[in-house]
């Protein structure tokens, strides 16, 4: 079973994403800020991370850089989500993660597609 770390300071978004992932049979862990993301990623070693960019305690970009610097978490794919329209910020996020950055609001199917491109099929068997 795949494990996804969801990181978002907006509790409603985190809950909605977690529920959607759980409906696919995915194990979900949640953090609410950048510092929590790094600690949770290190402890849980998820298969992928879905992370907001603009958050307290370091934010998503700083957290991603720290996660990628740790030997136990450096290979975990990170998918950024954001409401920002700042093209420079979006470019930096894509550069750091090497993956598509999803702009809020986004369709759950789009997130699932990006996760499946990295992890394989998420649908329960």
N, C-alpha and C. Protein backbone atom coordinates (compact mmCIF):
# COMPACT_ATOMS: atom_id res chain seq x y z
N UNK A 1 0.84 -1.18 0.00
CA UNK A 1 0.00 0.00 0.00
C UNK A 1 0.89 1.24 0.00
N UNK A 2 0.56 2.19 -0.87
CA UNK A 2 1.32 3.43 -0.98
C UNK A 2 1.00 4.34 0.20
N UNK A 3 2.00 5.16 0.56
CA UNK A 3 1.83 6.13 1.64
C UNK A 3 2.13 7.51 1.08
N UNK A 4 1.19 8.44 1.29
CA UNK A 4 1.31 9.81 0.81
C UNK A 4 1.34 10.75 2.00
N UNK A 5 2.27 11.69 1.99
CA UNK A 5 2.32 12.76 2.98
C UNK A 5 1.67 13.99 2.35
N UNK A 6 0.63 14.50 2.99
CA UNK A 6 -0.04 15.71 2.55
C UNK A 6 0.36 16.84 3.51
N UNK A 7 0.83 17.94 2.92
CA UNK A 7 1.29 19.07 3.73
C UNK A 7 0.56 20.32 3.27
N UNK A 8 -0.30 20.84 4.13
CA UNK A 8 -1.02 22.07 3.81
C UNK A 8 -1.47 22.71 5.11
N UNK A 9 -1.27 24.01 5.23
CA UNK A 9 -1.68 24.70 6.45
C UNK A 9 -3.18 24.97 6.48
N UNK A 10 -3.86 24.80 5.35
CA UNK A 10 -5.31 24.92 5.30
C UNK A 10 -5.91 23.56 5.65
N UNK A 11 -6.42 23.46 6.85
CA UNK A 11 -6.92 22.19 7.37
C UNK A 11 -8.00 21.56 6.47
N UNK A 12 -8.87 22.39 5.91
CA UNK A 12 -9.94 21.87 5.05
C UNK A 12 -9.37 21.22 3.79
N UNK A 13 -8.36 21.82 3.22
CA UNK A 13 -7.73 21.25 2.02
C UNK A 13 -7.04 19.94 2.38
N UNK A 14 -6.30 19.95 3.49
CA UNK A 14 -5.60 18.73 3.91
C UNK A 14 -6.58 17.59 4.16
N UNK A 15 -7.70 17.88 4.81
CA UNK A 15 -8.70 16.85 5.10
C UNK A 15 -9.31 16.32 3.81
N UNK A 16 -9.64 17.23 2.89
CA UNK A 16 -10.24 16.81 1.61
C UNK A 16 -9.27 15.95 0.80
N UNK A 17 -8.01 16.37 0.72
CA UNK A 17 -7.02 15.57 -0.01
C UNK A 17 -6.81 14.21 0.65
N UNK A 18 -6.74 14.20 1.97
CA UNK A 18 -6.55 12.94 2.69
C UNK A 18 -7.71 11.99 2.43
N UNK A 19 -8.93 12.50 2.47
CA UNK A 19 -10.11 11.66 2.22
C UNK A 19 -10.07 11.09 0.81
N UNK A 20 -9.69 11.91 -0.16
CA UNK A 20 -9.63 11.44 -1.55
C UNK A 20 -8.58 10.35 -1.71
N UNK A 21 -7.43 10.54 -1.10
CA UNK A 21 -6.35 9.54 -1.19
C UNK A 21 -6.75 8.24 -0.48
N UNK A 22 -7.38 8.37 0.67
CA UNK A 22 -7.81 7.18 1.41
C UNK A 22 -8.85 6.39 0.61
N UNK A 23 -9.69 7.09 -0.15
CA UNK A 23 -10.70 6.40 -0.96
C UNK A 23 -10.05 5.54 -2.04
N UNK A 24 -8.80 5.80 -2.34
CA UNK A 24 -8.05 5.01 -3.31
C UNK A 24 -7.26 3.89 -2.64
N UNK A 25 -7.40 3.77 -1.33
CA UNK A 25 -6.67 2.74 -0.61
C UNK A 25 -5.25 3.14 -0.25
N UNK A 26 -4.98 4.42 -0.27
CA UNK A 26 -3.65 4.94 0.04
C UNK A 26 -3.58 5.29 1.53
N UNK A 27 -2.47 4.98 2.17
CA UNK A 27 -2.24 5.41 3.54
C UNK A 27 -1.84 6.88 3.50
N UNK A 28 -2.39 7.68 4.39
CA UNK A 28 -2.14 9.12 4.38
C UNK A 28 -1.60 9.57 5.73
N UNK A 29 -0.58 10.41 5.69
CA UNK A 29 -0.10 11.12 6.87
C UNK A 29 -0.17 12.60 6.51
N UNK A 30 -0.39 13.45 7.51
CA UNK A 30 -0.60 14.87 7.26
C UNK A 30 0.33 15.70 8.14
N UNK A 31 0.85 16.78 7.57
CA UNK A 31 1.60 17.80 8.32
C UNK A 31 1.01 19.15 7.93
N UNK A 32 1.16 20.14 8.82
CA UNK A 32 0.51 21.42 8.57
C UNK A 32 1.46 22.57 8.29
N UNK A 33 2.76 22.31 8.29
CA UNK A 33 3.71 23.38 7.96
C UNK A 33 5.01 22.77 7.48
N UNK A 34 5.93 23.64 7.07
CA UNK A 34 7.20 23.17 6.52
C UNK A 34 8.03 22.33 7.48
N UNK A 35 8.11 22.76 8.72
CA UNK A 35 8.89 22.01 9.70
C UNK A 35 8.27 20.64 9.94
N UNK A 36 6.95 20.61 10.06
CA UNK A 36 6.26 19.34 10.23
C UNK A 36 6.45 18.42 9.04
N UNK A 37 6.53 19.01 7.85
CA UNK A 37 6.74 18.22 6.63
C UNK A 37 8.07 17.48 6.68
N UNK A 38 9.11 18.19 7.08
CA UNK A 38 10.45 17.58 7.13
C UNK A 38 10.48 16.48 8.18
N UNK A 39 9.95 16.76 9.37
CA UNK A 39 9.97 15.76 10.45
C UNK A 39 9.12 14.53 10.08
N UNK A 40 7.95 14.76 9.50
CA UNK A 40 7.06 13.65 9.15
C UNK A 40 7.64 12.84 8.00
N UNK A 41 8.22 13.50 7.02
CA UNK A 41 8.84 12.78 5.90
C UNK A 41 9.97 11.88 6.39
N UNK A 42 10.77 12.42 7.29
CA UNK A 42 11.89 11.63 7.83
C UNK A 42 11.39 10.42 8.63
N UNK A 43 10.36 10.63 9.44
CA UNK A 43 9.84 9.56 10.28
C UNK A 43 9.05 8.53 9.47
N UNK A 44 8.17 8.98 8.59
CA UNK A 44 7.24 8.09 7.88
C UNK A 44 7.77 7.55 6.56
N UNK A 45 8.72 8.26 5.95
CA UNK A 45 9.28 7.90 4.65
C UNK A 45 8.18 7.52 3.65
N UNK A 46 7.34 8.50 3.30
CA UNK A 46 6.23 8.23 2.39
C UNK A 46 6.72 7.94 0.97
N UNK A 47 5.83 7.42 0.16
CA UNK A 47 6.15 7.16 -1.24
C UNK A 47 6.12 8.44 -2.07
N UNK A 48 5.33 9.42 -1.64
CA UNK A 48 5.23 10.71 -2.32
C UNK A 48 4.74 11.76 -1.33
N UNK A 49 5.00 13.03 -1.68
CA UNK A 49 4.58 14.16 -0.85
C UNK A 49 3.79 15.12 -1.72
N UNK A 50 2.63 15.54 -1.23
CA UNK A 50 1.83 16.58 -1.87
C UNK A 50 1.90 17.77 -0.92
N UNK A 51 2.53 18.88 -1.38
CA UNK A 51 2.84 19.96 -0.45
C UNK A 51 2.47 21.34 -1.00
N UNK A 52 1.82 22.12 -0.16
CA UNK A 52 1.53 23.51 -0.45
C UNK A 52 2.86 24.28 -0.46
N UNK A 53 2.91 25.34 -1.23
CA UNK A 53 4.13 26.14 -1.28
C UNK A 53 4.14 27.18 -0.17
N UNK A 54 3.05 27.92 -0.02
CA UNK A 54 2.99 29.02 0.96
C UNK A 54 2.41 28.53 2.28
N UNK A 55 3.32 28.33 3.24
CA UNK A 55 2.93 27.86 4.57
C UNK A 55 3.86 28.48 5.61
N UNK A 56 3.44 28.45 6.87
CA UNK A 56 4.34 28.91 7.93
C UNK A 56 5.46 27.89 8.19
N UNK A 57 6.39 28.28 9.01
CA UNK A 57 7.51 27.42 9.44
C UNK A 57 8.34 26.92 8.27
N UNK A 58 8.74 27.85 7.42
CA UNK A 58 9.67 27.50 6.34
C UNK A 58 9.06 27.43 4.97
N UNK A 59 7.79 27.14 4.87
CA UNK A 59 7.16 27.05 3.56
C UNK A 59 7.56 25.80 2.80
N UNK A 60 6.83 25.53 1.73
CA UNK A 60 7.02 24.31 0.97
C UNK A 60 8.34 24.20 0.25
N UNK A 61 8.84 25.31 -0.29
CA UNK A 61 10.09 25.24 -1.04
C UNK A 61 11.27 24.93 -0.11
N UNK A 62 11.31 25.60 1.02
CA UNK A 62 12.38 25.35 1.99
C UNK A 62 12.28 23.92 2.52
N UNK A 63 11.06 23.49 2.84
CA UNK A 63 10.86 22.12 3.34
C UNK A 63 11.31 21.10 2.30
N UNK A 64 10.97 21.33 1.04
CA UNK A 64 11.36 20.40 -0.02
C UNK A 64 12.89 20.31 -0.14
N UNK A 65 13.54 21.44 -0.06
CA UNK A 65 15.01 21.43 -0.12
C UNK A 65 15.60 20.65 1.04
N UNK A 66 15.03 20.80 2.22
CA UNK A 66 15.52 20.05 3.39
C UNK A 66 15.24 18.55 3.24
N UNK A 67 14.07 18.21 2.73
CA UNK A 67 13.72 16.81 2.52
C UNK A 67 14.67 16.18 1.51
N UNK A 68 14.97 16.90 0.45
CA UNK A 68 15.86 16.38 -0.58
C UNK A 68 17.31 16.29 -0.12
N UNK A 69 17.65 17.01 0.93
CA UNK A 69 19.01 16.97 1.45
C UNK A 69 19.25 15.79 2.40
N UNK A 70 18.19 15.15 2.86
CA UNK A 70 18.32 14.02 3.78
C UNK A 70 18.47 12.72 2.99
N UNK A 71 19.41 11.90 3.35
CA UNK A 71 19.64 10.66 2.60
C UNK A 71 18.43 9.73 2.63
N UNK A 72 17.66 9.72 3.71
CA UNK A 72 16.51 8.81 3.82
C UNK A 72 15.28 9.29 3.07
N UNK A 73 15.27 10.56 2.66
CA UNK A 73 14.08 11.10 1.99
C UNK A 73 14.38 11.73 0.63
N UNK A 74 15.62 11.72 0.20
CA UNK A 74 16.00 12.47 -1.00
C UNK A 74 15.33 11.97 -2.28
N UNK A 75 14.89 10.74 -2.32
CA UNK A 75 14.28 10.20 -3.54
C UNK A 75 12.76 10.27 -3.58
N UNK A 76 12.16 10.89 -2.60
CA UNK A 76 10.69 10.94 -2.54
C UNK A 76 10.18 12.02 -3.50
N UNK A 77 9.28 11.66 -4.42
CA UNK A 77 8.72 12.68 -5.31
C UNK A 77 7.85 13.67 -4.54
N UNK A 78 7.99 14.96 -4.90
CA UNK A 78 7.22 16.01 -4.26
C UNK A 78 6.39 16.71 -5.32
N UNK A 79 5.08 16.77 -5.08
CA UNK A 79 4.17 17.48 -5.96
C UNK A 79 3.71 18.72 -5.20
N UNK A 80 4.01 19.89 -5.76
CA UNK A 80 3.60 21.12 -5.11
C UNK A 80 2.19 21.51 -5.55
N UNK A 81 1.45 22.07 -4.60
CA UNK A 81 0.15 22.66 -4.89
C UNK A 81 0.19 24.09 -4.36
N UNK A 82 -0.45 25.01 -5.08
CA UNK A 82 -0.40 26.41 -4.66
C UNK A 82 -1.52 27.22 -5.28
N UNK A 83 -1.89 28.28 -4.58
CA UNK A 83 -2.84 29.24 -5.12
C UNK A 83 -2.10 30.41 -5.76
N UNK A 84 -0.78 30.44 -5.62
CA UNK A 84 0.02 31.54 -6.16
C UNK A 84 0.01 31.54 -7.68
N UNK A 85 0.02 32.73 -8.24
CA UNK A 85 0.12 32.90 -9.70
C UNK A 85 1.49 33.47 -10.07
N UNK A 86 2.38 33.58 -9.10
CA UNK A 86 3.72 34.13 -9.30
C UNK A 86 4.54 33.17 -10.17
N UNK A 87 4.80 33.57 -11.41
CA UNK A 87 5.48 32.67 -12.35
C UNK A 87 6.89 32.30 -11.89
N UNK A 88 7.57 33.21 -11.23
CA UNK A 88 8.91 32.92 -10.72
C UNK A 88 8.85 31.85 -9.63
N UNK A 89 7.89 31.97 -8.74
CA UNK A 89 7.70 30.99 -7.67
C UNK A 89 7.32 29.62 -8.25
N UNK A 90 6.42 29.62 -9.22
CA UNK A 90 6.01 28.37 -9.86
C UNK A 90 7.17 27.70 -10.58
N UNK A 91 7.99 28.48 -11.24
CA UNK A 91 9.17 27.94 -11.93
C UNK A 91 10.16 27.35 -10.93
N UNK A 92 10.38 28.05 -9.84
CA UNK A 92 11.30 27.55 -8.81
C UNK A 92 10.79 26.24 -8.21
N UNK A 93 9.49 26.17 -7.96
CA UNK A 93 8.90 24.94 -7.41
C UNK A 93 9.08 23.78 -8.38
N UNK A 94 8.82 24.01 -9.65
CA UNK A 94 8.98 22.95 -10.65
C UNK A 94 10.44 22.52 -10.75
N UNK A 95 11.35 23.48 -10.64
CA UNK A 95 12.78 23.17 -10.69
C UNK A 95 13.21 22.33 -9.49
N UNK A 96 12.73 22.68 -8.31
CA UNK A 96 13.10 21.94 -7.10
C UNK A 96 12.56 20.52 -7.15
N UNK A 97 11.30 20.37 -7.53
CA UNK A 97 10.69 19.04 -7.47
C UNK A 97 10.90 18.23 -8.74
N UNK A 98 11.08 18.92 -9.86
CA UNK A 98 11.18 18.21 -11.13
C UNK A 98 9.85 17.64 -11.57
N UNK A 99 8.78 18.10 -10.94
CA UNK A 99 7.44 17.59 -11.25
C UNK A 99 6.51 18.75 -11.53
N UNK A 100 5.33 18.41 -12.00
CA UNK A 100 4.30 19.41 -12.29
C UNK A 100 3.85 20.08 -10.99
N UNK A 101 3.63 21.39 -11.08
CA UNK A 101 3.08 22.15 -9.96
C UNK A 101 1.59 22.36 -10.26
N UNK A 102 0.74 21.95 -9.33
CA UNK A 102 -0.70 22.09 -9.52
C UNK A 102 -1.19 23.37 -8.88
N UNK A 103 -1.91 24.16 -9.67
CA UNK A 103 -2.44 25.43 -9.17
C UNK A 103 -3.84 25.22 -8.62
N UNK A 104 -4.07 25.71 -7.40
CA UNK A 104 -5.38 25.62 -6.76
C UNK A 104 -6.33 26.59 -7.45
N UNK A 105 -7.56 26.25 -7.65
CA UNK A 105 -8.13 24.92 -7.41
C UNK A 105 -7.77 23.98 -8.55
N UNK A 106 -7.59 22.73 -8.22
CA UNK A 106 -7.26 21.72 -9.23
C UNK A 106 -8.22 20.55 -9.05
N UNK A 107 -8.32 19.76 -10.08
CA UNK A 107 -9.19 18.58 -10.04
C UNK A 107 -8.44 17.44 -9.36
N UNK A 108 -9.13 16.68 -8.54
CA UNK A 108 -8.52 15.52 -7.89
C UNK A 108 -7.94 14.56 -8.91
N UNK A 109 -8.60 14.41 -10.05
CA UNK A 109 -8.12 13.51 -11.10
C UNK A 109 -6.74 13.93 -11.60
N UNK A 110 -6.50 15.24 -11.65
CA UNK A 110 -5.20 15.74 -12.09
C UNK A 110 -4.10 15.36 -11.10
N UNK A 111 -4.39 15.50 -9.82
CA UNK A 111 -3.42 15.11 -8.79
C UNK A 111 -3.17 13.61 -8.85
N UNK A 112 -4.22 12.83 -8.97
CA UNK A 112 -4.08 11.38 -9.05
C UNK A 112 -3.22 10.99 -10.25
N UNK A 113 -3.43 11.65 -11.38
CA UNK A 113 -2.63 11.36 -12.58
C UNK A 113 -1.15 11.64 -12.33
N UNK A 114 -0.84 12.77 -11.71
CA UNK A 114 0.56 13.10 -11.43
C UNK A 114 1.17 12.09 -10.46
N UNK A 115 0.41 11.71 -9.43
CA UNK A 115 0.91 10.70 -8.49
C UNK A 115 1.13 9.36 -9.18
N UNK A 116 0.21 8.97 -10.03
CA UNK A 116 0.35 7.68 -10.73
C UNK A 116 1.53 7.68 -11.70
N UNK A 117 1.84 8.84 -12.27
CA UNK A 117 3.02 8.93 -13.13
C UNK A 117 4.30 8.65 -12.34
N UNK A 118 4.30 9.00 -11.07
CA UNK A 118 5.47 8.78 -10.22
C UNK A 118 5.47 7.42 -9.53
N UNK A 119 4.29 6.97 -9.11
CA UNK A 119 4.20 5.80 -8.24
C UNK A 119 3.58 4.57 -8.87
N UNK A 120 2.94 4.72 -10.00
CA UNK A 120 2.17 3.62 -10.56
C UNK A 120 0.73 3.72 -10.12
N UNK A 121 -0.03 2.70 -10.38
CA UNK A 121 -1.47 2.69 -10.14
C UNK A 121 -1.79 2.89 -8.66
N UNK A 122 -2.67 3.85 -8.36
CA UNK A 122 -3.13 4.09 -7.00
C UNK A 122 -4.47 3.45 -6.72
N UNK A 123 -5.14 3.00 -7.75
CA UNK A 123 -6.47 2.42 -7.57
C UNK A 123 -6.37 1.11 -6.78
N UNK A 124 -7.30 0.88 -5.86
CA UNK A 124 -7.28 -0.37 -5.10
C UNK A 124 -7.52 -1.57 -6.03
N UNK A 125 -6.86 -2.65 -5.73
CA UNK A 125 -7.01 -3.86 -6.57
C UNK A 125 -8.01 -4.81 -5.99
